[in-house]
Amino acid sequence: MTKLSVNINKIATLRNSRGGNVPNVVQFAKDVQRFGAEGVTIHPRPDERHIRYQDARDLKPIVYTEYNIEGNPVDSFMKLVLEVKPTQVTLVPDAEDAITSNAGWDTIKHKDFLVDVIKEFQQNGIRTSVFVDPVLKQIEGAKETGTDRIELYTESFAHQYSLGHKNAVKPFAESAELAYKLGLGINAGHDLSLENIKFFKDHIPNLLEVSIGHALIAESLYLGIENVVQMYLQKLK
């Protein structure tokens, strides 16, 4: 079964829009785990517009499933991750002003940088994952960085699937097959939803984990968070 990690950034966005501590990010993380989620993901950005660095620290003692921290490995992010020591760090090359992640790494161009960053995290007992587009040469490049896993950036699949183009899953399946042959673990995320998750999972071999935030939280407004978590778990079986 593919693990479901719930990205709780949107809960922090809602909290920050009003000030105070409602909804409570820590309590929400407790709840999604109680409802069956097998991981909690956060993506703190330098401007702390949703998840704050202190949230990362506050979540550490209560995340008893897998704790995944995503982000661009700038100095402040590196220091935070090394302090908190989550289960996994996912390296994402997003610009500081990006609304959301919008591209994978060029693992060839940035190989030396990624090698150094990954080595430091691994030496501190943190599993590493690199956010990549479904391009075979980038998967090969990821292997050369020494990363433990890749995370396939699935926005293009989600968009094309919504238009009825199911063959959009093909480059992701081919990338997953290559990654597995190279000994890399396979994660995926971005714009996956109840509409497309089962199809994606059924066509991606050896998929270990999906990280889902925006769609899951939006769906929960109508269907309820406990129900939605259970719906994802059923589709990921």
Protein backbone atom coordinates (compact mmCIF):
# COMPACT_ATOMS: atom_id res chain seq x y z
CA MET A 1 0.00 0.00 0.00
CA THR A 2 1.21 3.50 -0.85
CA LYS A 3 1.52 5.71 2.24
CA LEU A 4 -0.53 8.91 2.52
CA SER A 5 1.27 11.91 3.95
CA VAL A 6 -1.02 14.89 4.56
CA ASN A 7 0.46 18.31 3.80
CA ILE A 8 -0.99 20.69 6.40
CA ASN A 9 0.25 23.99 4.93
CA LYS A 10 -3.28 25.12 4.10
CA ILE A 11 -4.32 24.76 7.74
CA ALA A 12 -1.52 27.15 8.64
CA THR A 13 -2.62 29.52 5.87
CA LEU A 14 -6.13 29.65 7.34
CA ARG A 15 -4.76 30.22 10.83
CA ASN A 16 -2.44 33.01 9.71
CA SER A 17 -5.22 34.81 7.84
CA ARG A 18 -6.92 35.63 11.13
CA GLY A 19 -4.13 35.60 13.68
CA GLY A 20 -4.29 33.57 16.85
CA ASN A 21 -4.14 29.81 16.78
CA VAL A 22 -7.39 28.70 15.10
CA PRO A 23 -7.29 26.25 13.45
CA ASN A 24 -4.57 24.69 15.56
CA VAL A 25 -1.87 23.20 13.34
CA VAL A 26 -0.55 20.81 15.98
CA GLN A 27 -4.01 19.49 16.82
CA PHE A 28 -4.78 19.04 13.14
CA ALA A 29 -1.62 16.96 12.71
CA LYS A 30 -2.70 14.83 15.67
CA ASP A 31 -6.14 14.38 14.15
CA VAL A 32 -5.07 13.35 10.64
CA GLN A 33 -2.80 10.70 12.14
CA ARG A 34 -5.64 9.48 14.34
CA PHE A 35 -7.83 9.28 11.24
CA GLY A 36 -5.29 7.04 9.52
CA ALA A 37 -2.78 9.25 7.69
CA GLU A 38 0.65 7.64 7.64
CA GLY A 39 2.61 10.86 7.52
CA VAL A 40 2.53 14.62 8.01
CA THR A 41 4.18 16.98 5.52
CA ILE A 42 4.99 20.65 5.94
CA HIS A 43 6.66 23.08 3.54
CA PRO A 44 7.95 26.10 5.48
CA ARG A 45 9.07 29.04 3.36
CA PRO A 46 11.42 31.83 4.43
CA ASP A 47 8.57 34.38 4.69
CA GLU A 48 6.57 31.96 6.90
CA ARG A 49 3.38 32.84 5.05
CA HIS A 50 1.80 29.54 6.05
CA ILE A 51 3.86 27.03 8.06
CA ARG A 52 6.17 28.84 10.46
CA TYR A 53 9.57 27.57 11.51
CA GLN A 54 8.25 27.27 15.06
CA ASP A 55 5.46 25.01 13.76
CA ALA A 56 8.14 22.60 12.54
CA ARG A 57 9.55 22.46 16.05
CA ASP A 58 6.14 22.16 17.71
CA LEU A 59 5.13 19.27 15.44
CA LYS A 60 8.22 17.17 16.11
CA PRO A 61 7.08 15.56 19.40
CA ILE A 62 3.55 14.74 18.17
CA VAL A 63 4.21 13.30 14.70
CA TYR A 64 4.55 9.59 15.44
CA THR A 65 4.09 8.55 11.79
CA GLU A 66 6.47 9.86 9.12
CA TYR A 67 7.45 13.50 9.41
CA ASN A 68 8.37 15.07 6.05
CA ILE A 69 9.71 18.63 5.75
CA GLU A 70 9.87 20.06 2.22
CA GLY A 71 11.68 23.12 1.01
CA ASN A 72 14.52 24.82 -0.80
CA PRO A 73 17.74 24.12 1.12
CA VAL A 74 18.69 27.70 1.85
CA ASP A 75 20.71 28.22 5.04
CA SER A 76 17.73 28.87 7.31
CA PHE A 77 15.92 25.77 6.02
CA MET A 78 19.03 23.62 6.45
CA LYS A 79 19.45 24.76 10.05
CA LEU A 80 15.79 24.10 10.82
CA VAL A 81 15.79 20.57 9.39
CA LEU A 82 19.04 19.66 11.13
CA GLU A 83 17.56 20.91 14.40
CA VAL A 84 14.20 19.14 14.06
CA LYS A 85 15.50 15.94 12.42
CA PRO A 86 12.32 14.76 10.65
CA THR A 87 11.98 11.31 9.11
CA GLN A 88 12.48 12.76 5.63
CA VAL A 89 13.53 16.00 3.99
CA THR A 90 12.26 16.68 0.47
CA LEU A 91 14.39 19.15 -1.47
CA VAL A 92 12.34 21.48 -3.68
CA PRO A 93 13.87 24.21 -5.87
CA ASP A 94 11.10 26.77 -5.38
CA ALA A 95 11.79 30.47 -5.56
CA GLU A 96 11.17 32.44 -2.38
CA ASP A 97 8.21 34.27 -3.94
CA ALA A 98 6.64 31.22 -5.61
CA ILE A 99 2.97 30.68 -4.78
CA THR A 100 3.57 26.94 -4.88
CA SER A 101 6.21 24.56 -6.17
CA ASN A 102 6.34 24.73 -9.96
CA ALA A 103 9.32 22.67 -11.17
CA GLY A 104 11.62 19.86 -10.27
CA TRP A 105 15.40 20.09 -9.86
CA ASP A 106 17.79 20.10 -12.74
CA THR A 107 19.72 17.30 -11.07
CA ILE A 108 22.52 17.49 -13.62
CA LYS A 109 23.16 21.22 -13.40
CA HIS A 110 22.87 21.28 -9.61
CA LYS A 111 24.52 17.92 -8.93
CA ASP A 112 27.42 19.21 -6.81
CA PHE A 113 25.15 21.37 -4.68
CA LEU A 114 22.67 18.53 -4.11
CA VAL A 115 25.44 16.05 -3.29
CA ASP A 116 26.69 18.30 -0.48
CA VAL A 117 23.23 19.02 0.92
CA ILE A 118 22.09 15.41 0.77
CA LYS A 119 25.26 14.15 2.41
CA GLU A 120 24.80 16.51 5.36
CA PHE A 121 21.20 15.44 5.95
CA GLN A 122 22.01 11.74 5.61
CA GLN A 123 24.91 12.04 8.05
CA ASN A 124 22.33 13.33 10.55
CA GLY A 125 20.02 10.35 10.03
CA ILE A 126 17.48 12.11 7.81
CA ARG A 127 16.17 10.32 4.72
CA THR A 128 16.39 12.50 1.60
CA SER A 129 14.10 12.93 -1.38
CA VAL A 130 14.60 15.16 -4.43
CA PHE A 131 11.67 16.79 -6.25
CA VAL A 132 11.98 15.97 -9.96
CA ASP A 133 10.10 16.22 -13.24
CA PRO A 134 9.31 12.94 -15.05
CA VAL A 135 12.36 13.15 -17.31
CA LEU A 136 14.59 10.10 -17.51
CA LYS A 137 17.89 12.00 -17.58
CA GLN A 138 16.81 13.87 -14.45
CA ILE A 139 16.07 10.56 -12.71
CA GLU A 140 19.54 9.36 -13.66
CA GLY A 141 20.91 12.66 -12.39
CA ALA A 142 19.08 12.20 -9.10
CA LYS A 143 20.78 8.86 -8.63
CA GLU A 144 24.15 10.57 -8.97
CA THR A 145 23.34 12.98 -6.13
CA GLY A 146 23.16 10.14 -3.61
CA THR A 147 19.54 10.80 -2.66
CA ASP A 148 17.48 8.03 -1.07
CA ARG A 149 14.28 8.85 -2.96
CA ILE A 150 12.78 11.03 -5.62
CA GLU A 151 9.42 12.80 -5.50
CA LEU A 152 7.75 12.97 -8.90
CA TYR A 153 6.26 16.42 -9.55
CA THR A 154 2.75 15.48 -10.71
CA GLU A 155 1.16 18.81 -11.72
CA SER A 156 1.32 18.05 -15.45
CA PHE A 157 -0.28 14.66 -14.95
CA ALA A 158 -3.10 16.13 -12.87
CA HIS A 159 -3.81 18.86 -15.40
CA GLN A 160 -3.81 16.54 -18.40
CA TYR A 161 -5.88 13.91 -16.58
CA SER A 162 -8.53 16.53 -15.84
CA LEU A 163 -8.76 17.11 -19.61
CA GLY A 164 -9.27 13.40 -20.24
CA HIS A 165 -5.69 12.66 -21.37
CA LYS A 166 -4.94 9.51 -19.42
CA ASN A 167 -1.76 8.81 -21.37
CA ALA A 168 -0.21 11.70 -19.42
CA VAL A 169 0.71 9.12 -16.79
CA LYS A 170 3.16 7.39 -19.16
CA PRO A 171 6.31 9.49 -18.47
CA PHE A 172 5.67 9.12 -14.74
CA ALA A 173 5.41 5.34 -15.04
CA GLU A 174 8.61 5.22 -17.10
CA SER A 175 10.39 7.45 -14.60
CA ALA A 176 9.25 5.28 -11.72
CA GLU A 177 10.44 2.12 -13.47
CA LEU A 178 13.86 3.65 -14.06
CA ALA A 179 14.10 4.98 -10.50
CA TYR A 180 13.31 1.56 -9.09
CA LYS A 181 15.96 -0.07 -11.28
CA LEU A 182 18.47 2.51 -10.01
CA GLY A 183 17.60 1.71 -6.40
CA LEU A 184 15.71 4.92 -5.65
CA GLY A 185 12.55 5.06 -3.57
CA ILE A 186 9.58 6.72 -5.30
CA ASN A 187 7.32 9.40 -3.83
CA ALA A 188 4.92 11.69 -5.68
CA GLY A 189 2.98 14.87 -5.10
CA HIS A 190 1.37 18.06 -6.38
CA ASP A 191 -2.27 18.41 -7.47
CA LEU A 192 -3.09 14.79 -6.74
CA SER A 193 -6.72 14.49 -5.64
CA LEU A 194 -9.55 12.05 -5.02
CA GLU A 195 -10.34 12.35 -8.72
CA ASN A 196 -6.98 11.17 -10.01
CA ILE A 197 -5.15 9.41 -7.17
CA LYS A 198 -6.34 5.85 -7.83
CA PHE A 199 -5.53 6.00 -11.53
CA PHE A 200 -2.08 7.42 -10.78
CA LYS A 201 -1.31 4.87 -8.10
CA ASP A 202 -2.47 1.97 -10.27
CA HIS A 203 -0.08 3.00 -13.06
CA ILE A 204 3.02 3.88 -11.02
CA PRO A 205 4.99 0.81 -9.94
CA ASN A 206 6.62 0.74 -6.49
CA LEU A 207 5.06 4.02 -5.35
CA LEU A 208 6.00 4.38 -1.68
CA GLU A 209 4.34 7.63 -0.66
CA VAL A 210 2.15 10.48 -1.86
CA SER A 211 2.07 13.89 -0.25
CA ILE A 212 -1.30 15.64 -0.66
CA GLY A 213 -2.34 18.98 0.75
CA HIS A 214 -4.36 21.52 -1.22
CA ALA A 215 -6.86 19.10 -2.78
CA LEU A 216 -7.27 17.06 0.39
CA ILE A 217 -8.00 20.10 2.53
CA ALA A 218 -10.37 21.57 -0.07
CA GLU A 219 -12.24 18.25 -0.37
CA SER A 220 -12.49 18.10 3.40
CA LEU A 221 -14.49 21.33 3.47
CA TYR A 222 -17.32 19.43 1.83
CA LEU A 223 -16.77 15.87 3.00
CA GLY A 224 -15.01 16.15 6.37
CA ILE A 225 -11.36 15.49 7.12
CA GLU A 226 -11.78 12.04 8.70
CA ASN A 227 -13.90 10.86 5.79
CA VAL A 228 -11.51 12.25 3.18
CA VAL A 229 -8.44 10.64 4.78
CA GLN A 230 -10.25 7.30 4.75
CA MET A 231 -11.27 7.80 1.11
CA TYR A 232 -7.65 8.37 0.11
CA LEU A 233 -6.49 5.33 2.04
CA GLN A 234 -9.03 3.17 0.23
CA LYS A 235 -7.90 4.44 -3.16
CA LEU A 236 -4.24 3.86 -2.29
CA LYS A 237 -4.72 0.21 -1.37
